[in-house]
C-alpha atoms as a PDB file:
ATOM      1  CA  MET A   1     -14.984   6.538  -6.561  1.00  0.00           C
ATOM      2  CA  ALA A   2     -18.659   5.243  -7.116  1.00  0.00           C
ATOM      3  CA  LEU A   3     -18.959   1.666  -7.829  1.00  0.00           C
ATOM      4  CA  GLY A   4     -22.756   1.549  -7.742  1.00  0.00           C
ATOM      5  CA  GLY A   5     -25.245   0.341  -5.061  1.00  0.00           C
ATOM      6  CA  GLY A   6     -23.883   2.700  -2.630  1.00  0.00           C
ATOM      7  CA  ALA A   7     -20.668   0.996  -2.665  1.00  0.00           C
ATOM      8  CA  THR A   8     -17.245   3.379  -3.301  1.00  0.00           C
ATOM      9  CA  ALA A   9     -13.820   2.861  -3.297  1.00  0.00           C
ATOM     10  CA  GLN A  10     -10.927   5.258  -2.540  1.00  0.00           C
ATOM     11  CA  VAL A  11      -8.245   4.617  -5.286  1.00  0.00           C
ATOM     12  CA  LEU A  12      -4.652   5.121  -4.241  1.00  0.00           C
ATOM     13  CA  HIS A  13      -3.126   4.571  -7.757  1.00  0.00           C
ATOM     14  CA  PHE A  14      -3.069   2.419 -10.801  1.00  0.00           C
ATOM     15  CA  ALA A  15       0.250   1.348 -11.977  1.00  0.00           C
ATOM     16  CA  TYR A  16       2.281  -1.093 -14.585  1.00  0.00           C
ATOM     17  CA  SER A  17       5.585  -2.418 -14.739  1.00  0.00           C
ATOM     18  CA  PRO A  18       7.001  -4.040 -17.664  1.00  0.00           C
ATOM     19  CA  HIS A  19       9.688  -6.012 -15.626  1.00  0.00           C
ATOM     20  CA  LEU A  20       8.823  -5.881 -11.872  1.00  0.00           C
ATOM     21  CA  PRO A  21      12.070  -6.897  -9.618  1.00  0.00           C
ATOM     22  CA  ASP A  22      11.701  -8.973  -6.280  1.00  0.00           C
ATOM     23  CA  ASN A  23      10.370  -6.949  -3.240  1.00  0.00           C
ATOM     24  CA  VAL A  24      10.867  -7.417   0.348  1.00  0.00           C
ATOM     25  CA  PRO A  25       8.372  -8.687   2.567  1.00  0.00           C
ATOM     26  CA  HIS A  26       5.831  -5.863   3.453  1.00  0.00           C
ATOM     27  CA  ARG A  27       2.320  -5.051   4.237  1.00  0.00           C
ATOM     28  CA  HIS A  28      -0.068  -2.159   3.590  1.00  0.00           C
ATOM     29  CA  THR A  29      -3.164  -0.755   5.134  1.00  0.00           C
ATOM     30  CA  TYR A  30      -5.200  -0.826   2.061  1.00  0.00           C
ATOM     31  CA  PHE A  31      -6.112  -3.608  -0.617  1.00  0.00           C
ATOM     32  CA  GLU A  32      -3.514  -4.027  -3.650  1.00  0.00           C
ATOM     33  CA  VAL A  33      -4.509  -6.476  -6.474  1.00  0.00           C
ATOM     34  CA  CYS A  34      -1.891  -7.450  -9.090  1.00  0.00           C
ATOM     35  CA  LEU A  35      -2.410  -9.203 -12.356  1.00  0.00           C
ATOM     36  CA  VAL A  36       0.695 -11.047 -14.121  1.00  0.00           C
ATOM     37  CA  GLY A  37       0.811  -9.938 -17.701  1.00  0.00           C
ATOM     38  CA  ALA A  38       1.828 -11.730 -20.822  1.00  0.00           C
ATOM     39  CA  TYR A  39       5.177 -12.942 -19.599  1.00  0.00           C
ATOM     40  CA  GLY A  40       7.173 -13.984 -16.492  1.00  0.00           C
ATOM     41  CA  GLN A  41       6.744 -16.291 -13.816  1.00  0.00           C
ATOM     42  CA  GLY A  42       7.387 -16.291 -10.010  1.00  0.00           C
ATOM     43  CA  GLU A  43       5.631 -16.759  -6.538  1.00  0.00           C
ATOM     44  CA  TYR A  44       3.487 -14.676  -4.436  1.00  0.00           C
ATOM     45  CA  ARG A  45       4.512 -15.480  -0.940  1.00  0.00           C
ATOM     46  CA  VAL A  46       1.949 -14.775   1.971  1.00  0.00           C
ATOM     47  CA  ALA A  47       3.432 -15.174   5.482  1.00  0.00           C
ATOM     48  CA  GLY A  48       5.819 -17.567   3.888  1.00  0.00           C
ATOM     49  CA  THR A  49       3.737 -19.638   2.203  1.00  0.00           C
ATOM     50  CA  PRO A  50       4.426 -19.621  -1.750  1.00  0.00           C
ATOM     51  CA  HIS A  51       1.613 -19.422  -4.304  1.00  0.00           C
ATOM     52  CA  PRO A  52       2.746 -19.829  -7.993  1.00  0.00           C
ATOM     53  CA  LEU A  53       2.375 -16.955 -10.365  1.00  0.00           C
ATOM     54  CA  THR A  54       2.302 -17.318 -14.344  1.00  0.00           C
ATOM     55  CA  PRO A  55       0.796 -15.125 -17.230  1.00  0.00           C
ATOM     56  CA  GLY A  56      -2.732 -14.547 -16.121  1.00  0.00           C
ATOM     57  CA  THR A  57      -2.803 -14.843 -12.501  1.00  0.00           C
ATOM     58  CA  LEU A  58      -4.529 -12.437 -10.484  1.00  0.00           C
ATOM     59  CA  PHE A  59      -3.353 -12.056  -6.802  1.00  0.00           C
ATOM     60  CA  VAL A  60      -4.620 -10.330  -3.616  1.00  0.00           C
ATOM     61  CA  ALA A  61      -2.572  -8.389  -0.989  1.00  0.00           C
ATOM     62  CA  ARG A  62      -5.057  -7.688   2.020  1.00  0.00           C
ATOM     63  CA  PRO A  63      -4.612  -5.153   4.468  1.00  0.00           C
ATOM     64  CA  GLY A  64      -2.258  -5.944   7.303  1.00  0.00           C
ATOM     65  CA  VAL A  65      -1.075  -9.136   5.680  1.00  0.00           C
ATOM     66  CA  VAL A  66       2.738  -9.651   4.821  1.00  0.00           C
ATOM     67  CA  HIS A  67       3.615 -10.495   1.646  1.00  0.00           C
ATOM     68  CA  GLN A  68       6.429 -10.582  -1.239  1.00  0.00           C
ATOM     69  CA  ILE A  69       6.641 -10.823  -4.723  1.00  0.00           C
ATOM     70  CA  VAL A  70       9.502 -13.134  -6.152  1.00  0.00           C
ATOM     71  CA  ASN A  71      10.460 -14.077  -9.549  1.00  0.00           C
ATOM     72  CA  THR A  72      11.564 -17.599 -10.592  1.00  0.00           C
ATOM     73  CA  GLY A  73      12.738 -19.128 -13.883  1.00  0.00           C
ATOM     74  CA  ASP A  74      15.214 -18.150 -16.463  1.00  0.00           C
ATOM     75  CA  GLY A  75      12.758 -15.837 -18.408  1.00  0.00           C
ATOM     76  CA  PRO A  76      12.033 -12.024 -18.137  1.00  0.00           C
ATOM     77  CA  LEU A  77      10.940 -10.251 -14.869  1.00  0.00           C
ATOM     78  CA  MET A  78       7.304 -10.661 -14.685  1.00  0.00           C
ATOM     79  CA  GLU A  79       5.001  -7.860 -16.509  1.00  0.00           C
ATOM     80  CA  LEU A  80       2.785  -6.634 -13.717  1.00  0.00           C
ATOM     81  CA  TYR A  81      -0.243  -4.708 -13.718  1.00  0.00           C
ATOM     82  CA  TRP A  82      -1.461  -3.545 -10.000  1.00  0.00           C
ATOM     83  CA  VAL A  83      -4.190  -1.389  -8.017  1.00  0.00           C
ATOM     84  CA  ALA A  84      -4.094  -0.127  -4.544  1.00  0.00           C
ATOM     85  CA  PHE A  85      -7.489   0.754  -3.062  1.00  0.00           C
ATOM     86  CA  ALA A  86      -9.687   1.057   0.008  1.00  0.00           C
ATOM     87  CA  LEU A  87     -13.259  -0.251  -0.159  1.00  0.00           C
ATOM     88  CA  GLU A  88     -16.431   1.315   1.569  1.00  0.00           C
ATOM     89  CA  ALA A  89     -19.450  -0.820   0.908  1.00  0.00           C
ATOM     90  CA  GLY A  90     -23.044   0.779   1.013  1.00  0.00           C
ATOM     91  CA  GLY A  91     -25.459   0.168   3.854  1.00  0.00           C
ATOM     92  CA  ASP A  92     -28.377  -2.105   4.065  1.00  0.00           C
ATOM     93  CA  ASP A  93     -29.522  -1.274   0.569  1.00  0.00           C
ATOM     94  CA  GLU A  94     -25.984  -1.705  -1.091  1.00  0.00           C
ATOM     95  CA  GLY A  95     -27.336  -3.742  -3.878  1.00  0.00           C
ATOM     96  CA  GLU A  96     -25.612  -6.620  -5.926  1.00  0.00           C
ATOM     97  CA  VAL A  97     -22.385  -4.635  -6.499  1.00  0.00           C
ATOM     98  CA  GLY A  98     -21.963  -3.534  -2.703  1.00  0.00           C
ATOM     99  CA  ALA A  99     -22.532  -7.388  -1.909  1.00  0.00           C
ATOM    100  CA  LEU A 100     -19.907  -8.490  -4.061  1.00  0.00           C
ATOM    101  CA  LEU A 101     -17.437  -6.185  -2.642  1.00  0.00           C
ATOM    102  CA  ARG A 102     -18.283  -7.307   0.764  1.00  0.00           C
ATOM    103  CA  ARG A 103     -17.614 -10.852  -0.355  1.00  0.00           C
ATOM    104  CA  PHE A 104     -14.358  -9.808  -1.941  1.00  0.00           C
ATOM    105  CA  ALA A 105     -13.145  -8.178   1.205  1.00  0.00           C
ATOM    106  CA  ARG A 106     -14.229 -11.239   3.408  1.00  0.00           C
ATOM    107  CA  SER A 107     -12.741 -13.746   1.106  1.00  0.00           C
ATOM    108  CA  GLU A 108      -9.706 -13.899   3.226  1.00  0.00           C
ATOM    109  CA  GLY A 109      -8.747 -17.440   1.895  1.00  0.00           C
ATOM    110  CA  THR A 110      -8.272 -15.978  -1.444  1.00  0.00           C
ATOM    111  CA  PHE A 111      -4.759 -15.300  -2.549  1.00  0.00           C
ATOM    112  CA  ALA A 112      -4.154 -16.154  -6.359  1.00  0.00           C
ATOM    113  CA  VAL A 113      -6.638 -17.039  -8.928  1.00  0.00           C
ATOM    114  CA  PRO A 114      -6.586 -17.333 -12.770  1.00  0.00           C
ATOM    115  CA  ASP A 115      -7.905 -14.347 -14.870  1.00  0.00           C
ATOM    116  CA  SER A 116      -9.683 -17.341 -16.599  1.00  0.00           C
ATOM    117  CA  GLU A 117     -11.988 -15.386 -18.819  1.00  0.00           C
ATOM    118  CA  GLY A 118      -9.258 -12.739 -19.706  1.00  0.00           C
ATOM    119  CA  ARG A 119     -11.795  -9.998 -18.516  1.00  0.00           C
ATOM    120  CA  VAL A 120      -9.846  -8.185 -15.655  1.00  0.00           C
ATOM    121  CA  GLY A 121      -6.617  -8.332 -18.075  1.00  0.00           C
ATOM    122  CA  ALA A 122      -8.684  -6.841 -20.887  1.00  0.00           C
ATOM    123  CA  LEU A 123      -9.953  -4.116 -18.847  1.00  0.00           C
ATOM    124  CA  TRP A 124      -6.762  -3.258 -17.564  1.00  0.00           C
ATOM    125  CA  ALA A 125      -5.054  -2.786 -21.028  1.00  0.00           C
ATOM    126  CA  ALA A 126      -8.003  -0.790 -22.011  1.00  0.00           C
ATOM    127  CA  LEU A 127      -7.695   1.612 -19.032  1.00  0.00           C
ATOM    128  CA  ARG A 128      -4.118   1.944 -19.399  1.00  0.00           C
ATOM    129  CA  ALA A 129      -4.353   2.335 -23.436  1.00  0.00           C
ATOM    130  CA  VAL A 130      -7.179   5.391 -22.596  1.00  0.00           C
ATOM    131  CA  ALA A 131      -5.507   6.984 -19.935  1.00  0.00           C
ATOM    132  CA  GLY A 132      -2.216   6.807 -21.545  1.00  0.00           C
ATOM    133  CA  GLY A 133      -3.285   8.562 -24.775  1.00  0.00           C
ATOM    134  CA  PRO A 134      -3.957  12.114 -25.974  1.00  0.00           C
ATOM    135  CA  PRO A 135      -6.567  14.284 -23.979  1.00  0.00           C
ATOM    136  CA  LEU A 136      -9.992  14.178 -25.365  1.00  0.00           C
ATOM    137  CA  PRO A 137     -13.331  15.490 -24.811  1.00  0.00           C
ATOM    138  CA  GLY A 138     -15.110  13.101 -21.995  1.00  0.00           C
ATOM    139  CA  LEU A 139     -11.888  11.229 -21.371  1.00  0.00           C
ATOM    140  CA  GLY A 140     -12.036  11.670 -17.651  1.00  0.00           C
ATOM    141  CA  ALA A 141     -15.550   9.891 -17.414  1.00  0.00           C
ATOM    142  CA  GLN A 142     -14.222   7.229 -19.749  1.00  0.00           C
ATOM    143  CA  VAL A 143     -11.216   6.522 -17.480  1.00  0.00           C
ATOM    144  CA  ASP A 144     -13.645   6.604 -14.394  1.00  0.00           C
ATOM    145  CA  ALA A 145     -16.055   4.198 -15.994  1.00  0.00           C
ATOM    146  CA  LEU A 146     -12.985   1.951 -16.857  1.00  0.00           C
ATOM    147  CA  ARG A 147     -11.554   2.027 -13.334  1.00  0.00           C
ATOM    148  CA  ALA A 148     -15.080   1.185 -11.783  1.00  0.00           C
ATOM    149  CA  ALA A 149     -15.508  -1.624 -14.170  1.00  0.00           C
ATOM    150  CA  LEU A 150     -12.021  -2.875 -13.598  1.00  0.00           C
ATOM    151  CA  LEU A 151     -12.484  -2.900  -9.468  1.00  0.00           C
ATOM    152  CA  VAL A 152     -16.079  -4.658 -10.041  1.00  0.00           C
ATOM    153  CA  ALA A 153     -14.317  -7.313 -12.321  1.00  0.00           C
ATOM    154  CA  ILE A 154     -11.410  -7.977  -9.656  1.00  0.00           C
ATOM    155  CA  ALA A 155     -13.958  -8.266  -7.024  1.00  0.00           C
ATOM    156  CA  GLN A 156     -15.985 -10.883  -9.256  1.00  0.00           C
ATOM    157  CA  ALA A 157     -12.923 -12.787 -10.029  1.00  0.00           C
ATOM    158  CA  ALA A 158     -11.227 -12.899  -6.829  1.00  0.00           C
ATOM    159  CA  GLY A 159     -14.089 -12.612  -4.206  1.00  0.00           C
ATOM    160  CA  GLY A 160     -16.047 -15.771  -5.151  1.00  0.00           C
ATOM    161  CA  ALA A 161     -14.027 -18.473  -3.260  1.00  0.00           C
ATOM    162  CA  PRO A 162     -15.312 -19.108   0.004  1.00  0.00           C
ATOM    163  CA  ALA A 163     -14.036 -19.628   3.287  1.00  0.00           C
ATOM    164  CA  PRO A 164       9.695   0.597 -12.134  1.00  0.00           C
ATOM    165  CA  GLY A 165       6.104   1.459 -13.036  1.00  0.00           C
ATOM    166  CA  ALA A 166       4.154   4.229 -14.404  1.00  0.00           C
ATOM    167  CA  GLU A 167       1.046   5.790 -13.328  1.00  0.00           C
ATOM    168  CA  VAL A 168      -2.123   4.917 -15.337  1.00  0.00           C
ATOM    169  CA  ALA A 169      -4.797   7.124 -14.375  1.00  0.00           C
ATOM    170  CA  GLY A 170      -4.679  10.800 -13.902  1.00  0.00           C
ATOM    171  CA  GLY A 171      -5.877  12.979 -11.097  1.00  0.00           C
ATOM    172  CA  GLU A 172      -3.667  14.228  -8.405  1.00  0.00           C
ATOM    173  CA  ASP A 173      -0.290  15.528  -9.054  1.00  0.00           C
ATOM    174  CA  ALA A 174       2.237  12.555  -9.599  1.00  0.00           C
ATOM    175  CA  GLY A 175       4.772  14.018  -7.256  1.00  0.00           C
ATOM    176  CA  GLU A 176       2.087  14.341  -4.442  1.00  0.00           C
ATOM    177  CA  TRP A 177       0.423  10.969  -4.849  1.00  0.00           C
ATOM    178  CA  ARG A 178       3.908   8.880  -4.825  1.00  0.00           C
ATOM    179  CA  ALA A 179       4.555  10.967  -1.796  1.00  0.00           C
ATOM    180  CA  ARG A 180       1.302  10.062  -0.169  1.00  0.00           C
ATOM    181  CA  LEU A 181       1.990   6.396  -1.041  1.00  0.00           C
ATOM    182  CA  ALA A 182       5.517   6.572   0.200  1.00  0.00           C
ATOM    183  CA  VAL A 183       4.329   7.592   3.505  1.00  0.00           C
ATOM    184  CA  ARG A 184       1.670   5.084   3.778  1.00  0.00           C
ATOM    185  CA  TYR A 185       4.374   2.464   2.786  1.00  0.00           C
ATOM    186  CA  ILE A 186       6.571   3.921   5.642  1.00  0.00           C
ATOM    187  CA  HIS A 187       3.841   3.689   8.268  1.00  0.00           C
ATOM    188  CA  ASP A 188       2.954   0.352   7.296  1.00  0.00           C
ATOM    189  CA  ASN A 189       6.446  -1.067   7.751  1.00  0.00           C
ATOM    190  CA  LEU A 190       7.886   0.664  10.932  1.00  0.00           C
ATOM    191  CA  ALA A 191       8.237  -2.618  12.795  1.00  0.00           C
ATOM    192  CA  ARG A 192      11.341  -3.646  10.760  1.00  0.00           C
ATOM    193  CA  PRO A 193      14.604  -1.948   8.878  1.00  0.00           C
ATOM    194  CA  LEU A 194      13.403   0.281   6.184  1.00  0.00           C
ATOM    195  CA  SER A 195      15.829   1.951   3.915  1.00  0.00           C
ATOM    196  CA  VAL A 196      15.154   5.038   1.687  1.00  0.00           C
ATOM    197  CA  ALA A 197      16.333   2.712  -1.432  1.00  0.00           C
ATOM    198  CA  GLU A 198      13.306   0.471  -0.715  1.00  0.00           C
ATOM    199  CA  VAL A 199      10.742   2.949  -0.054  1.00  0.00           C
ATOM    200  CA  ALA A 200      12.005   4.800  -3.405  1.00  0.00           C
ATOM    201  CA  ALA A 201      11.724   1.416  -5.092  1.00  0.00           C
ATOM    202  CA  GLN A 202       7.952   0.764  -3.720  1.00  0.00           C
ATOM    203  CA  VAL A 203       6.940   4.121  -5.460  1.00  0.00           C
ATOM    204  CA  HIS A 204       9.116   3.675  -8.560  1.00  0.00           C
ATOM    205  CA  LEU A 205      11.432   6.862  -7.796  1.00  0.00           C
ATOM    206  CA  SER A 206      15.037   6.772  -7.500  1.00  0.00           C
ATOM    207  CA  PRO A 207      16.221   7.615  -4.019  1.00  0.00           C
ATOM    208  CA  ARG A 208      17.151  11.284  -5.248  1.00  0.00           C
ATOM    209  CA  HIS A 209      13.690  11.699  -6.755  1.00  0.00           C
ATOM    210  CA  LEU A 210      11.893  10.445  -3.523  1.00  0.00           C
ATOM    211  CA  THR A 211      14.051  12.897  -1.319  1.00  0.00           C
ATOM    212  CA  ARG A 212      12.403  15.715  -3.644  1.00  0.00           C
ATOM    213  CA  VAL A 213       9.099  14.413  -3.476  1.00  0.00           C
ATOM    214  CA  LEU A 214       8.967  13.788  -0.110  1.00  0.00           C
ATOM    215  CA  ARG A 215      10.561  16.921   1.292  1.00  0.00           C
ATOM    216  CA  ALA A 216       8.135  19.006  -0.747  1.00  0.00           C
ATOM    217  CA  PHE A 217       5.186  16.690   0.630  1.00  0.00           C
ATOM    218  CA  THR A 218       6.316  16.579   4.263  1.00  0.00           C
ATOM    219  CA  GLY A 219       9.209  19.420   5.028  1.00  0.00           C
ATOM    220  CA  ILE A 220      11.876  16.855   5.855  1.00  0.00           C
ATOM    221  CA  ALA A 221      13.866  14.290   4.213  1.00  0.00           C
ATOM    222  CA  PRO A 222      12.800  10.556   3.836  1.00  0.00           C
ATOM    223  CA  ALA A 223      15.585   9.344   6.404  1.00  0.00           C
ATOM    224  CA  GLN A 224      14.166  12.176   8.825  1.00  0.00           C
ATOM    225  CA  TYR A 225      10.693  11.301   8.134  1.00  0.00           C
ATOM    226  CA  VAL A 226      11.399   7.441   8.809  1.00  0.00           C
ATOM    227  CA  GLU A 227      13.081   8.143  12.102  1.00  0.00           C
ATOM    228  CA  LYS A 228      10.201  10.834  13.168  1.00  0.00           C
ATOM    229  CA  ALA A 229       7.381   8.287  11.990  1.00  0.00           C
ATOM    230  CA  ARG A 230       9.120   5.641  14.371  1.00  0.00           C
ATOM    231  CA  ILE A 231       9.215   8.081  17.359  1.00  0.00           C
ATOM    232  CA  ASP A 232       5.421   9.021  16.880  1.00  0.00           C
ATOM    233  CA  ARG A 233       4.177   5.737  16.658  1.00  0.00           C
ATOM    234  CA  ALA A 234       6.584   5.055  19.988  1.00  0.00           C
ATOM    235  CA  ALA A 235       5.044   7.821  21.494  1.00  0.00           C
ATOM    236  CA  LEU A 236       1.368   6.543  21.018  1.00  0.00           C
ATOM    237  CA  LEU A 237       2.464   2.914  22.076  1.00  0.00           C
ATOM    238  CA  LEU A 238       3.809   4.645  25.311  1.00  0.00           C
ATOM    239  CA  ARG A 239       0.832   6.767  26.259  1.00  0.00           C
ATOM    240  CA  ARG A 240      -1.926   3.863  25.221  1.00  0.00           C
ATOM    241  CA  THR A 241      -0.266   0.709  26.372  1.00  0.00           C
ATOM    242  CA  ASP A 242       1.613  -0.434  29.465  1.00  0.00           C
ATOM    243  CA  ASP A 243       4.070  -2.446  27.185  1.00  0.00           C
ATOM    244  CA  PRO A 244       7.762  -2.444  28.278  1.00  0.00           C
ATOM    245  CA  ILE A 245      10.010   0.262  26.546  1.00  0.00           C
ATOM    246  CA  LYS A 246      11.993  -2.560  25.124  1.00  0.00           C
ATOM    247  CA  GLN A 247       8.743  -3.915  23.528  1.00  0.00           C
ATOM    248  CA  VAL A 248       7.664  -0.698  22.268  1.00  0.00           C
ATOM    249  CA  ALA A 249      11.211  -0.224  20.957  1.00  0.00           C
ATOM    250  CA  ALA A 250      10.924  -3.654  18.675  1.00  0.00           C
ATOM    251  CA  GLN A 251       7.519  -2.525  17.450  1.00  0.00           C
ATOM    252  CA  VAL A 252       8.841   0.503  16.034  1.00  0.00           C
ATOM    253  CA  GLY A 253      12.045  -1.025  14.333  1.00  0.00           C
ATOM    254  CA  TYR A 254      14.822  -0.643  17.016  1.00  0.00           C
ATOM    255  CA  ALA A 255      16.300  -3.691  18.041  1.00  0.00           C
ATOM    256  CA  ASP A 256      18.398  -1.861  20.484  1.00  0.00           C
ATOM    257  CA  VAL A 257      16.953   0.094  23.539  1.00  0.00           C
ATOM    258  CA  HIS A 258      19.949   2.156  23.777  1.00  0.00           C
ATOM    259  CA  HIS A 259      19.509   3.233  20.107  1.00  0.00           C
ATOM    260  CA  PHE A 260      16.154   3.821  20.832  1.00  0.00           C
ATOM    261  CA  THR A 261      16.410   5.992  23.683  1.00  0.00           C
ATOM    262  CA  ARG A 262      18.758   8.188  22.023  1.00  0.00           C
ATOM    263  CA  ALA A 263      16.694   8.632  18.851  1.00  0.00           C
ATOM    264  CA  PHE A 264      13.585   9.338  21.121  1.00  0.00           C
ATOM    265  CA  ARG A 265      15.508  11.721  23.277  1.00  0.00           C
ATOM    266  CA  ARG A 266      16.638  13.433  19.702  1.00  0.00           C
ATOM    267  CA  VAL A 267      13.290  13.782  18.610  1.00  0.00           C
ATOM    268  CA  ALA A 268      11.084  14.187  21.617  1.00  0.00           C
ATOM    269  CA  GLY A 269      13.558  16.071  23.696  1.00  0.00           C
ATOM    270  CA  CYS A 270      13.244  13.646  26.636  1.00  0.00           C
ATOM    271  CA  ALA A 271      13.695   9.652  27.220  1.00  0.00           C
ATOM    272  CA  PRO A 272      10.913   7.346  26.460  1.00  0.00           C
ATOM    273  CA  GLY A 273      10.323   6.673  30.231  1.00  0.00           C
ATOM    274  CA  ALA A 274      10.236  10.431  31.252  1.00  0.00           C
ATOM    275  CA  PHE A 275       7.841  11.037  28.547  1.00  0.00           C
ATOM    276  CA  ARG A 276       5.589   8.098  29.434  1.00  0.00           C
ATOM    277  CA  ARG A 277       5.575   9.230  33.087  1.00  0.00           C
ATOM    278  CA  ALA A 278       4.434  12.908  31.792  1.00  0.00           C
ATOM    279  CA  GLY A 279       1.782  11.504  29.816  1.00  0.00           C
ATOM    280  CA  GLY A 280       2.677  12.963  26.753  1.00  0.00           C
ATOM    281  CA  SER A 281       2.632  16.419  25.663  1.00  0.00           C
ATOM    282  CA  PRO A 282      -0.112  18.277  23.711  1.00  0.00           C
ATOM    283  CA  ALA A 283       2.501  19.631  21.523  1.00  0.00           C
ATOM    284  CA  TRP A 284       3.672  16.238  20.563  1.00  0.00           C
ATOM    285  CA  ARG A 285       0.112  15.066  19.581  1.00  0.00           C
ATOM    286  CA  GLU A 286      -0.274  18.203  17.395  1.00  0.00           C
ATOM    287  CA  ALA A 287       2.970  17.529  15.550  1.00  0.00           C
ATOM    288  CA  ALA A 288       2.689  13.767  15.132  1.00  0.00           C
ATOM    289  CA  THR A 289       3.322  11.995  11.658  1.00  0.00           C
ATOM    290  CA  GLU A 290       0.762   9.218  12.360  1.00  0.00           C
ATOM    291  CA  PRO A 291      -1.683   9.217   9.637  1.00  0.00           C
ATOM    292  CA  GLU A 292      -5.302  10.041  10.416  1.00  0.00           C
ATOM    293  CA  GLY A 293      -7.292   6.749  11.402  1.00  0.00           C
ATOM    294  CA  ALA A 294      -4.103   4.833  12.005  1.00  0.00           C
ATOM    295  CA  LEU A 295      -4.528   1.785  14.268  1.00  0.00           C
ATOM    296  CA  VAL A 296      -2.224   1.515  17.144  1.00  0.00           C
END
């Protein structure tokens, strides 16, 4: 999506939940920005440090940073709007918008700020209203303009400090984008226990529905995909590092080396040590689940 001045964003999804339940500590390879709506309160915990959330609070999850959203108080669960995206600023002639996005991307000390002028909330409400209405001529252009304006407003609000939801916007098939988001979430969180129920909750599907959409997208069930993703990541680590096998196992979510070895043998056809000594097979590299551009 073009935002002006040569700056672009890859939007993964816009979403909304009238009552967001607590989630577990997790991380992403992309930005996720959330806005607390008209009700609810809680904490946004970044690496264990709590930041208070009240209506009108805008908060940012940055790539690679472990975070968690927790409801507090006796009132209703938080109303929450959020968007997941990756940014690409322009070159030397990036202009005002590109500079703004670059400042937002670098403002690592900004975690939660007030939507003091209500601008982000107003744009989010407008986007939800327009995208959720009946199809009209020119609607796609209106939605794109609102989406771009919202991302710029978010960067303005959250970039100035130094140092079960529903899809809102149309486009890609709903089942496919949820499957893509589930796959990305799995790869972002391989180093810890990861249940099908947790992945399903992250993309706002039942475990049964997640099984259907992920099987259609990957050809295998979620639990199988999680195991294969762990072993694929382990194979990359075994080829590219000298880390002990016990350490490799821990990095892909196996606390027990014996369990890891059995899983590796089941998926790869040989033990981790034998795989490392052989240098990894070309066939394995062709079949790997690791997303393009993933950093290992």
